[in-house]
Amino acid sequence: MKEEKLYHELLTIEDRVGLHERGELKSVTDYVDLVREVEWEQEWDPRARSMSQIHDVSGSIWSDAIEQCLAENGSVYIPQIDIPIYIDRPIVLRSGDRLVVHPETEIRLKVGAVGTCMVRNAQVVLSQDSPVQICDGADEDILVEGGIWCDQNNEGRGRGGEYDQEGSIPGSMSIFLFHNISRIAVRNVVFRDCSAFAVQLGNAIDYIVEDITFDETADGIHIEGPSERGIIRHIYGKTNDDAIALNAWDWQTSSITFGTITDVLIEDIEMQPGYTWSELRLLPGTKIFSTGETLDCDIRRCIFRNIRGIHTFKMYDQPNVGNPEGDFADPIGKMSDLFFSDIVVDGIGQSEYYDSSSDGVLDICTDIDGISIRNVHFNYIPGQTDMAPYLVSVGPKSLTWHRTPSDESGSCWRPPVKENAEDEWIDVYNPNANPVVKGLVVKGICMPDQNNPGSYVPHVDLAALINERQSTPNPDFPNTMPRGGTGSGKVIDLDFG
């Protein structure tokens, strides 16, 4: 697979999605008689952008007006409004609908008993127990553009983003939820103080997510399998978990469907340098359904270009830490034809990072057939001053946690303690995995010129940047951590260009 050929193929997604305007938009102000003035109490203080004491809030609820405008016109334009407006339920979009908001207008979710998503499509399909037929009865040709969107941090109650107040679709946890959808564009959106994923998109064909700003969100853009042909570009800001995640396989608790992700262009990404959560994730796997049926959830044919501020590309197997015995990939995932180029790596000290087992920019514990890495500029000297020593590290990871009870909100990353003392510990990763990376091409790697600040020089020992990681049992466990394992990583057909 040639990178430039694939790049031009991916750009044709623009033609199929069709970003051009399709006729006049109808202003929601024509339906102002449906706007309701409401008073309520909440803890979130949007001015301080933090939780505070319970206080009175009053605002205008525009849900009825937006819904009626869409129903009658198939489009809605929300003009510039100087004060935040509120919705009290998700805006539901159907085939052909357009939702356009003035870029300075802020829309907030009036948090109810359950924090829901703010925008979703109508034909979402839940398929956690079996493979889904991609885009069967899908919504088509949807545009969402503009606006500042805020779910008010779900009143500090953990992740919101439910499909509805009843929570009828487990795994939904986003501000924008788009599933079972073909030809969708989301652009020019700001996500501010959001408790959940900004965008959760899966069971999808032909999608564009671009010109997105994260102003404190839990996670960024999550693409789930199955999905085909997507562009994610011009993404900026700060999230508190993965800025972009391609999760072909995922935990049962955070995904609606599962399957292969293929043909994705990710370019022009800039996150906050030196920040813990400035990360990207690629998560393939083999899904084991409750029936015993299995499904390959591969990731194939993806390009990552012009990326700044990211310190780690997380490309490793990771069982569900809330249910590691019942929700894991077996065997580990597979990826192929991956291209990384024009990357500026802003690192983070290993002692500052939550994952003590991470030792490379591309941290890999999956099988890969074909991966190219070129034109990478380190903003640090690998292996010096507490920085990760490798560009690529392939192998099992070992991080052992003690089980702890869930807190009252249920927002706990660790499963409850079991009665058997031997079961008091869990492995966050998969220390017994044996990943193999074939066809690794590395070239054009630079690091700072220590004699000329602001300049870069070629790294003269590329082989020193590649690591085959091994895991061994820890004979002193549990007195010392981690428990360790028996797996090892391998790189085959390494090419330095």
Protein backbone atom coordinates (compact mmCIF):
# COMPACT_ATOMS: atom_id res chain seq x y z
CA MET A 1 0.00 0.00 0.00
CA LYS A 2 1.41 3.40 -1.04
CA GLU A 3 0.77 6.26 1.36
CA GLU A 4 0.16 8.97 -1.23
CA LYS A 5 -2.24 6.82 -3.21
CA LEU A 6 -4.23 6.06 -0.06
CA TYR A 7 -4.18 9.75 0.91
CA HIS A 8 -5.79 10.80 -2.36
CA GLU A 9 -8.34 8.00 -2.08
CA LEU A 10 -9.32 9.23 1.36
CA LEU A 11 -9.76 12.80 0.13
CA THR A 12 -12.58 11.60 -2.16
CA ILE A 13 -14.68 11.21 1.00
CA GLU A 14 -15.23 14.97 0.71
CA ASP A 15 -17.07 14.48 -2.58
CA ARG A 16 -19.38 11.81 -1.20
CA VAL A 17 -20.22 13.65 2.01
CA GLY A 18 -20.83 16.90 0.12
CA LEU A 19 -20.09 19.85 2.37
CA HIS A 20 -21.83 22.37 0.11
CA GLU A 21 -24.99 24.02 1.39
CA ARG A 22 -28.28 22.50 0.29
CA GLY A 23 -30.72 25.41 0.16
CA GLU A 24 -31.79 28.02 2.68
CA LEU A 25 -31.76 27.31 6.39
CA LYS A 26 -34.79 28.09 8.55
CA SER A 27 -34.16 30.24 11.64
CA VAL A 28 -35.31 28.86 14.96
CA THR A 29 -36.34 32.37 15.98
CA ASP A 30 -39.42 31.91 13.79
CA TYR A 31 -40.57 29.47 16.49
CA VAL A 32 -39.81 31.65 19.49
CA ASP A 33 -43.36 31.22 20.76
CA LEU A 34 -42.36 27.64 21.69
CA VAL A 35 -39.49 28.79 23.91
CA ARG A 36 -40.12 28.23 27.63
CA GLU A 37 -38.71 30.28 30.52
CA VAL A 38 -37.81 27.91 33.36
CA GLU A 39 -36.21 28.10 36.79
CA TRP A 40 -34.33 25.27 38.48
CA GLU A 41 -31.50 24.49 40.89
CA GLN A 42 -28.04 23.16 40.04
CA GLU A 43 -24.53 22.84 41.44
CA TRP A 44 -22.48 23.56 38.33
CA ASP A 45 -21.28 27.16 38.18
CA PRO A 46 -20.60 27.98 34.50
CA ARG A 47 -18.79 31.21 35.34
CA ALA A 48 -16.33 29.55 37.71
CA ARG A 49 -16.43 26.42 35.54
CA SER A 50 -16.58 24.24 38.62
CA MET A 51 -19.00 22.75 41.10
CA SER A 52 -20.38 25.05 43.80
CA GLN A 53 -23.23 25.14 46.27
CA ILE A 54 -26.73 24.50 44.97
CA HIS A 55 -28.06 27.73 43.49
CA ASP A 56 -31.02 28.98 41.47
CA VAL A 57 -30.76 29.15 37.69
CA SER A 58 -33.17 30.55 35.15
CA GLY A 59 -33.00 30.13 31.43
CA SER A 60 -34.80 29.73 28.12
CA ILE A 61 -35.52 26.17 26.97
CA TRP A 62 -35.40 25.97 23.18
CA SER A 63 -35.93 22.22 22.71
CA ASP A 64 -39.53 22.51 21.46
CA ALA A 65 -38.66 25.32 19.04
CA ILE A 66 -35.67 23.44 17.57
CA GLU A 67 -37.67 20.22 17.26
CA GLN A 68 -40.58 21.90 15.48
CA CYS A 69 -38.32 23.81 13.12
CA LEU A 70 -36.58 20.58 12.11
CA ALA A 71 -39.85 18.72 11.68
CA GLU A 72 -41.29 21.34 9.33
CA ASN A 73 -38.18 22.33 7.39
CA GLY A 74 -35.53 19.62 7.69
CA SER A 75 -33.12 22.31 8.83
CA VAL A 76 -32.62 24.76 11.66
CA TYR A 77 -30.37 27.78 12.05
CA ILE A 78 -29.70 29.07 15.56
CA PRO A 79 -28.45 32.65 15.17
CA GLN A 80 -26.16 34.60 17.45
CA ILE A 81 -27.77 34.86 20.88
CA ASP A 82 -25.88 36.85 23.50
CA ILE A 83 -26.80 34.65 26.47
CA PRO A 84 -26.60 30.85 26.69
CA ILE A 85 -29.69 28.98 25.60
CA TYR A 86 -30.76 25.62 27.02
CA ILE A 87 -32.12 22.31 25.80
CA ASP A 88 -33.67 19.70 28.10
CA ARG A 89 -33.37 16.65 25.84
CA PRO A 90 -31.31 15.53 22.83
CA ILE A 91 -31.81 17.19 19.45
CA VAL A 92 -32.70 14.28 17.13
CA LEU A 93 -31.62 14.49 13.47
CA ARG A 94 -33.01 12.44 10.59
CA SER A 95 -31.88 11.86 7.01
CA GLY A 96 -31.20 15.12 5.21
CA ASP A 97 -31.39 17.29 8.34
CA ARG A 98 -29.08 20.24 8.90
CA LEU A 99 -28.34 21.82 12.26
CA VAL A 100 -26.31 25.03 12.01
CA VAL A 101 -25.47 27.27 14.96
CA HIS A 102 -23.76 30.66 15.02
CA PRO A 103 -20.19 30.03 16.19
CA GLU A 104 -20.59 32.32 19.24
CA THR A 105 -23.90 30.92 20.45
CA GLU A 106 -23.62 28.65 23.49
CA ILE A 107 -26.05 25.80 24.01
CA ARG A 108 -26.19 24.19 27.44
CA LEU A 109 -27.91 21.06 28.62
CA LYS A 110 -30.34 21.50 31.49
CA VAL A 111 -29.17 18.53 33.51
CA GLY A 112 -32.01 16.30 34.67
CA ALA A 113 -32.09 13.05 36.56
CA VAL A 114 -29.88 11.60 33.80
CA GLY A 115 -27.31 13.49 31.77
CA THR A 116 -28.12 12.76 28.13
CA CYS A 117 -26.33 13.45 24.89
CA MET A 118 -27.14 16.78 23.27
CA VAL A 119 -27.41 15.78 19.60
CA ARG A 120 -28.00 12.35 18.06
CA ASN A 121 -29.40 10.77 14.93
CA ALA A 122 -32.72 8.91 14.92
CA GLN A 123 -31.77 5.41 13.74
CA VAL A 124 -29.17 4.42 16.33
CA VAL A 125 -28.86 0.63 16.58
CA LEU A 126 -27.61 -1.11 19.73
CA SER A 127 -25.74 -4.33 18.95
CA GLN A 128 -23.54 -5.36 21.86
CA ASP A 129 -24.44 -9.06 21.71
CA SER A 130 -23.86 -9.78 18.02
CA PRO A 131 -22.25 -8.26 14.91
CA VAL A 132 -24.20 -5.43 13.31
CA GLN A 133 -24.90 -5.13 9.59
CA ILE A 134 -23.21 -1.86 8.77
CA CYS A 135 -25.56 1.03 7.97
CA ASP A 136 -28.69 -1.10 7.65
CA GLY A 137 -31.53 1.42 7.63
CA ALA A 138 -29.08 4.20 8.36
CA ASP A 139 -29.75 7.91 8.55
CA GLU A 140 -28.07 9.71 5.64
CA ASP A 141 -26.78 13.15 4.65
CA ILE A 142 -26.69 14.99 7.98
CA LEU A 143 -24.83 18.22 8.74
CA VAL A 144 -24.03 19.68 12.16
CA GLU A 145 -22.09 22.91 12.20
CA GLY A 146 -21.12 25.57 14.71
CA GLY A 147 -22.02 26.41 18.26
CA ILE A 148 -20.47 26.08 21.70
CA TRP A 149 -21.89 22.96 23.37
CA CYS A 150 -21.82 22.27 27.10
CA ASP A 151 -23.47 19.59 29.25
CA GLN A 152 -22.38 21.48 32.39
CA ASN A 153 -20.08 18.66 33.38
CA ASN A 154 -23.18 16.58 34.16
CA GLU A 155 -23.37 18.29 37.54
CA GLY A 156 -20.22 16.46 38.58
CA ARG A 157 -21.96 13.08 38.57
CA GLY A 158 -19.51 11.31 36.30
CA ARG A 159 -19.95 10.69 32.61
CA GLY A 160 -23.22 11.75 31.04
CA GLY A 161 -24.03 11.32 27.36
CA GLU A 162 -26.87 8.82 27.68
CA TYR A 163 -28.99 8.14 24.60
CA ASP A 164 -32.12 9.14 26.53
CA GLN A 165 -33.36 9.68 30.07
CA GLU A 166 -34.09 5.96 30.39
CA GLY A 167 -30.54 4.99 29.45
CA SER A 168 -32.00 2.58 26.90
CA ILE A 169 -28.78 2.23 24.89
CA PRO A 170 -25.90 1.09 27.12
CA GLY A 171 -22.50 2.27 25.94
CA SER A 172 -23.77 5.70 24.91
CA MET A 173 -21.63 8.38 26.55
CA SER A 174 -21.18 11.40 24.31
CA ILE A 175 -22.31 14.93 23.60
CA PHE A 176 -22.86 14.15 19.90
CA LEU A 177 -23.94 10.53 19.28
CA PHE A 178 -23.99 9.39 15.65
CA HIS A 179 -24.46 5.67 14.99
CA ASN A 180 -25.93 3.82 12.00
CA ILE A 181 -25.26 6.77 9.75
CA SER A 182 -23.95 7.41 6.26
CA ARG A 183 -22.58 10.68 4.92
CA ILE A 184 -22.33 12.99 7.90
CA ALA A 185 -20.31 16.16 8.48
CA VAL A 186 -19.62 17.71 11.89
CA ARG A 187 -17.60 20.89 11.72
CA ASN A 188 -16.70 24.19 13.42
CA VAL A 189 -17.86 23.04 16.87
CA VAL A 190 -16.56 23.95 20.33
CA PHE A 191 -17.09 21.47 23.17
CA ARG A 192 -16.82 23.16 26.56
CA ASP A 193 -16.98 21.62 30.05
CA CYS A 194 -18.35 18.29 28.80
CA SER A 195 -18.52 15.21 31.00
CA ALA A 196 -18.46 12.63 28.21
CA PHE A 197 -16.94 11.98 24.79
CA ALA A 198 -17.34 14.99 22.52
CA VAL A 199 -18.26 12.83 19.50
CA GLN A 200 -19.11 9.12 19.49
CA LEU A 201 -19.51 7.84 15.95
CA GLY A 202 -19.79 4.26 14.72
CA ASN A 203 -21.63 1.89 12.41
CA ALA A 204 -20.85 4.55 9.85
CA ILE A 205 -19.77 5.04 6.24
CA ASP A 206 -18.39 8.32 4.88
CA TYR A 207 -17.96 10.86 7.67
CA ILE A 208 -16.07 14.09 8.23
CA VAL A 209 -15.32 15.62 11.63
CA GLU A 210 -13.31 18.81 11.27
CA ASP A 211 -12.47 22.17 12.83
CA ILE A 212 -13.21 21.03 16.37
CA THR A 213 -12.04 22.73 19.56
CA PHE A 214 -12.00 20.96 22.91
CA ASP A 215 -12.29 23.38 25.83
CA GLU A 216 -12.19 20.84 28.67
CA THR A 217 -13.99 17.64 27.74
CA ALA A 218 -13.69 14.16 29.22
CA ASP A 219 -12.72 12.60 25.88
CA GLY A 220 -12.52 13.79 22.31
CA ILE A 221 -13.61 11.96 19.17
CA HIS A 222 -14.33 8.24 19.51
CA ILE A 223 -14.80 6.23 16.32
CA GLU A 224 -16.26 2.77 16.87
CA GLY A 225 -16.44 -0.25 14.62
CA PRO A 226 -17.70 -1.03 12.17
CA SER A 227 -16.92 2.11 10.21
CA GLU A 228 -15.51 2.93 6.80
CA ARG A 229 -14.11 6.02 5.11
CA GLY A 230 -13.64 8.93 7.48
CA ILE A 231 -11.76 12.21 7.74
CA ILE A 232 -10.87 13.75 11.12
CA ARG A 233 -8.89 16.97 10.80
CA HIS A 234 -8.17 20.40 12.27
CA ILE A 235 -8.66 19.31 15.89
CA TYR A 236 -7.38 21.43 18.75
CA GLY A 237 -7.56 21.91 22.49
CA LYS A 238 -7.56 19.95 25.72
CA THR A 239 -9.34 16.76 26.73
CA ASN A 240 -9.09 14.65 29.87
CA ASP A 241 -8.65 11.37 28.05
CA ASP A 242 -7.93 10.30 24.48
CA ALA A 243 -8.22 13.23 22.08
CA ILE A 244 -8.99 10.83 19.22
CA ALA A 245 -9.67 7.12 19.55
CA LEU A 246 -10.22 4.50 16.87
CA ASN A 247 -11.86 1.79 18.97
CA ALA A 248 -12.73 -1.10 16.69
CA TRP A 249 -12.90 -3.26 19.81
CA ASP A 250 -13.89 -1.63 23.06
CA TRP A 251 -15.26 -2.29 26.49
CA GLN A 252 -18.89 -3.36 26.72
CA THR A 253 -19.57 -0.38 28.95
CA SER A 254 -18.43 2.27 26.47
CA SER A 255 -19.36 1.11 22.97
CA ILE A 256 -22.61 0.50 21.11
CA THR A 257 -21.28 -1.71 18.31
CA PHE A 258 -18.03 -3.46 17.41
CA GLY A 259 -16.23 -4.25 14.16
CA THR A 260 -13.44 -3.30 11.79
CA ILE A 261 -12.45 0.34 11.21
CA THR A 262 -10.92 1.06 7.83
CA ASP A 263 -9.85 3.97 5.63
CA VAL A 264 -9.38 6.92 7.99
CA LEU A 265 -7.44 10.15 7.48
CA ILE A 266 -6.43 11.96 10.67
CA GLU A 267 -4.49 15.18 10.11
CA ASP A 268 -3.72 18.58 11.58
CA ILE A 269 -4.14 17.72 15.25
CA GLU A 270 -2.75 19.98 17.98
CA MET A 271 -3.22 19.21 21.65
CA GLN A 272 -1.75 20.74 24.78
CA PRO A 273 1.95 19.77 24.95
CA GLY A 274 3.28 18.10 28.06
CA TYR A 275 -0.22 17.31 29.33
CA THR A 276 -1.05 13.87 30.73
CA TRP A 277 -4.05 13.22 28.46
CA SER A 278 -2.60 14.49 25.18
CA GLU A 279 -2.84 11.02 23.68
CA LEU A 280 -4.32 9.19 20.69
CA ARG A 281 -5.62 5.61 20.85
CA LEU A 282 -5.92 2.75 18.36
CA LEU A 283 -7.72 -0.25 19.87
CA PRO A 284 -8.31 -3.35 17.73
CA GLY A 285 -9.26 -6.71 19.16
CA THR A 286 -11.34 -9.84 18.81
CA LYS A 287 -14.83 -9.43 20.22
CA ILE A 288 -16.30 -12.36 22.12
CA PHE A 289 -20.07 -12.00 22.24
CA SER A 290 -22.25 -13.46 24.99
CA THR A 291 -23.24 -16.26 22.57
CA GLY A 292 -19.62 -17.31 22.16
CA GLU A 293 -19.48 -15.93 18.61
CA THR A 294 -16.33 -13.97 17.81
CA LEU A 295 -15.70 -11.01 15.52
CA ASP A 296 -12.43 -9.60 14.20
CA CYS A 297 -12.29 -5.89 15.03
CA ASP A 298 -9.30 -4.83 12.96
CA ILE A 299 -7.96 -1.38 12.07
CA ARG A 300 -6.72 -0.96 8.50
CA ARG A 301 -5.59 1.68 6.03
CA CYS A 302 -5.17 4.75 8.25
CA ILE A 303 -3.06 7.90 7.81
CA PHE A 304 -1.95 10.18 10.65
CA ARG A 305 -0.37 13.45 9.45
CA ASN A 306 0.71 16.77 10.89
CA ILE A 307 0.21 16.01 14.57
CA ARG A 308 1.54 18.18 17.39
CA GLY A 309 1.41 17.99 21.17
CA ILE A 310 0.73 14.26 21.42
CA HIS A 311 3.17 12.34 23.61
CA THR A 312 1.79 8.78 23.25
CA PHE A 313 -0.03 6.82 20.57
CA LYS A 314 -1.69 4.10 22.66
CA MET A 315 -1.84 1.03 20.42
CA TYR A 316 -2.09 -1.74 22.97
CA ASP A 317 -4.48 -4.40 24.18
CA GLN A 318 -6.45 -3.32 27.24
CA PRO A 319 -9.10 -5.48 28.94
CA ASN A 320 -12.01 -3.80 30.69
CA VAL A 321 -10.58 -2.85 34.08
CA GLY A 322 -14.08 -2.97 35.52
CA ASN A 323 -14.56 -6.58 34.35
CA PRO A 324 -11.20 -7.99 33.21
CA GLU A 325 -12.32 -11.62 33.56
CA GLY A 326 -15.41 -11.14 31.39
CA ASP A 327 -14.60 -8.39 28.86
CA PHE A 328 -11.34 -8.86 27.02
CA ALA A 329 -10.07 -9.43 23.48
CA ASP A 330 -9.02 -12.97 22.58
CA PRO A 331 -6.84 -13.04 20.57
CA ILE A 332 -5.31 -9.57 20.61
CA GLY A 333 -6.17 -7.20 17.78
CA LYS A 334 -4.71 -6.78 14.30
CA MET A 335 -3.84 -3.65 12.35
CA SER A 336 -2.35 -3.08 8.91
CA ASP A 337 -1.27 -0.35 6.51
CA LEU A 338 -0.74 2.45 9.04
CA PHE A 339 1.10 5.64 8.06
CA PHE A 340 2.45 8.26 10.50
CA SER A 341 4.20 11.38 9.21
CA ASP A 342 5.08 14.95 10.15
CA ILE A 343 4.78 14.38 13.88
CA VAL A 344 6.11 16.77 16.54
CA VAL A 345 6.45 14.84 19.78
CA ASP A 346 6.06 16.83 22.98
CA GLY A 347 6.90 14.35 25.67
CA ILE A 348 5.94 13.85 29.27
CA GLY A 349 8.22 12.63 32.04
CA GLN A 350 7.75 8.96 32.84
CA SER A 351 7.49 9.76 36.55
CA GLU A 352 4.66 12.22 35.78
CA TYR A 353 2.68 9.80 33.63
CA TYR A 354 -0.03 7.52 35.06
CA ASP A 355 1.31 4.55 33.06
CA SER A 356 4.71 3.55 34.41
CA SER A 357 4.97 0.78 31.81
CA SER A 358 4.90 3.19 28.85
CA ASP A 359 8.33 3.63 27.32
CA GLY A 360 7.70 4.72 23.71
CA VAL A 361 5.84 7.27 21.61
CA LEU A 362 4.14 4.46 19.69
CA ASP A 363 3.32 2.08 22.52
CA ILE A 364 2.28 -1.16 20.79
CA CYS A 365 0.81 -4.41 22.01
CA THR A 366 -1.17 -5.59 18.97
CA ASP A 367 -0.25 -7.39 15.77
CA ILE A 368 0.57 -5.04 12.90
CA ASP A 369 1.29 -5.83 9.25
CA GLY A 370 2.75 -2.73 7.66
CA ILE A 371 3.49 0.52 9.52
CA SER A 372 5.43 3.52 8.25
CA ILE A 373 6.79 6.32 10.46
CA ARG A 374 8.53 9.30 8.86
CA ASN A 375 9.43 12.91 9.56
CA VAL A 376 9.21 12.86 13.36
CA HIS A 377 10.66 15.71 15.41
CA PHE A 378 11.31 15.03 19.09
CA ASN A 379 11.18 18.10 21.33
CA TYR A 380 13.35 16.22 23.80
CA ILE A 381 16.23 13.77 23.78
CA PRO A 382 14.75 10.25 24.04
CA GLY A 383 15.85 8.55 27.24
CA GLN A 384 17.17 11.70 28.92
CA THR A 385 15.69 13.70 31.80
CA ASP A 386 13.01 11.13 32.61
CA MET A 387 11.69 10.99 29.04
CA ALA A 388 10.62 7.77 27.31
CA PRO A 389 13.62 6.25 25.52
CA TYR A 390 11.93 4.86 22.40
CA LEU A 391 10.03 5.95 19.33
CA VAL A 392 8.47 2.49 19.00
CA SER A 393 8.13 -0.05 21.79
CA VAL A 394 6.50 -3.38 20.95
CA GLY A 395 5.49 -5.89 23.57
CA PRO A 396 3.28 -6.73 26.55
CA LYS A 397 2.62 -4.21 29.26
CA SER A 398 2.34 -4.91 32.96
CA LEU A 399 0.49 -2.69 35.40
CA THR A 400 -1.12 -4.33 38.45
CA TRP A 401 -3.86 -2.75 40.53
CA HIS A 402 -5.49 -3.78 43.76
CA ARG A 403 -9.23 -4.22 43.51
CA THR A 404 -11.18 -1.52 45.35
CA PRO A 405 -14.90 -1.12 45.96
CA SER A 406 -16.89 1.12 43.65
CA ASP A 407 -17.75 4.54 45.04
CA GLU A 408 -21.37 5.63 45.46
CA SER A 409 -21.57 7.12 41.99
CA GLY A 410 -20.35 3.91 40.40
CA SER A 411 -17.63 5.84 38.61
CA CYS A 412 -14.81 3.52 39.55
CA TRP A 413 -12.10 2.19 37.25
CA ARG A 414 -11.43 -0.90 39.37
CA PRO A 415 -13.64 -3.93 39.99
CA PRO A 416 -14.81 -4.75 43.50
CA VAL A 417 -12.79 -6.85 45.88
CA LYS A 418 -13.47 -10.58 45.75
CA GLU A 419 -13.48 -12.96 48.69
CA ASN A 420 -10.55 -15.03 47.44
CA ALA A 421 -7.28 -13.27 48.29
CA GLU A 422 -5.73 -14.53 45.03
CA ASP A 423 -8.32 -12.49 43.12
CA GLU A 424 -7.56 -9.21 44.87
CA TRP A 425 -5.32 -8.07 42.02
CA ILE A 426 -6.00 -7.26 38.39
CA ASP A 427 -3.76 -6.61 35.40
CA VAL A 428 -4.70 -3.39 33.64
CA TYR A 429 -3.06 -4.56 30.43
CA ASN A 430 -2.12 -7.96 29.01
CA PRO A 431 1.32 -9.02 30.33
CA ASN A 432 1.13 -12.40 28.58
CA ALA A 433 0.55 -11.09 25.04
CA ASN A 434 3.00 -11.79 22.22
CA PRO A 435 2.49 -9.02 19.64
CA VAL A 436 4.34 -9.07 16.31
CA VAL A 437 4.96 -6.01 14.15
CA LYS A 438 5.87 -6.77 10.55
CA GLY A 439 7.13 -4.33 7.96
CA LEU A 440 8.10 -1.40 10.18
CA VAL A 441 9.60 1.50 8.16
CA VAL A 442 11.26 4.34 10.09
CA LYS A 443 12.99 7.34 8.52
CA GLY A 444 13.51 11.06 8.92
CA ILE A 445 13.66 11.11 12.73
CA CYS A 446 15.12 14.27 14.30
CA MET A 447 15.89 15.48 17.79
CA PRO A 448 16.91 18.87 19.24
CA ASP A 449 20.32 20.22 18.36
CA GLN A 450 21.88 20.69 21.79
CA ASN A 451 24.37 23.17 20.34
CA ASN A 452 21.78 25.25 18.51
CA PRO A 453 18.51 25.78 20.42
CA GLY A 454 15.44 25.77 18.20
CA SER A 455 17.10 23.60 15.57
CA TYR A 456 16.97 19.85 14.95
CA VAL A 457 19.48 17.28 13.82
CA PRO A 458 18.90 13.78 12.43
CA HIS A 459 18.93 10.99 14.98
CA VAL A 460 22.02 8.99 14.07
CA ASP A 461 21.05 5.69 15.71
CA LEU A 462 17.51 4.81 14.64
CA ALA A 463 17.90 1.22 15.81
CA ALA A 464 18.23 2.51 19.38
CA LEU A 465 14.72 3.98 19.10
CA ILE A 466 13.09 0.59 18.50
CA ASN A 467 12.40 -1.73 21.42
CA GLU A 468 11.15 -5.30 21.73
CA ARG A 469 9.59 -5.42 25.17
CA GLN A 470 9.44 -8.52 27.35
CA SER A 471 7.46 -9.32 30.46
CA THR A 472 8.68 -11.63 33.18
CA PRO A 473 6.94 -12.84 36.34
CA ASN A 474 7.79 -10.86 39.44
CA PRO A 475 8.90 -13.34 42.13
CA ASP A 476 8.37 -10.70 44.83
CA PHE A 477 4.74 -9.97 43.94
CA PRO A 478 2.66 -8.68 45.73
CA ASN A 479 5.34 -7.10 47.92
CA THR A 480 6.50 -5.22 44.85
CA MET A 481 4.67 -4.35 41.63
CA PRO A 482 3.76 -5.22 38.97
CA ARG A 483 2.89 -8.91 38.87
CA GLY A 484 4.49 -9.30 35.44
CA GLY A 485 3.83 -11.99 32.87
CA THR A 486 5.34 -14.24 30.22
CA GLY A 487 4.76 -12.35 26.96
CA SER A 488 7.24 -10.77 24.55
CA GLY A 489 7.14 -8.47 21.54
CA LYS A 490 8.79 -8.93 18.17
CA VAL A 491 9.63 -6.71 15.19
CA ILE A 492 10.10 -8.35 11.79
CA ASP A 493 11.35 -6.74 8.56
CA LEU A 494 12.58 -3.47 10.06
CA ASP A 495 13.55 -0.88 7.40
CA PHE A 496 15.25 2.44 8.09
CA GLY A 497 14.52 3.80 4.64
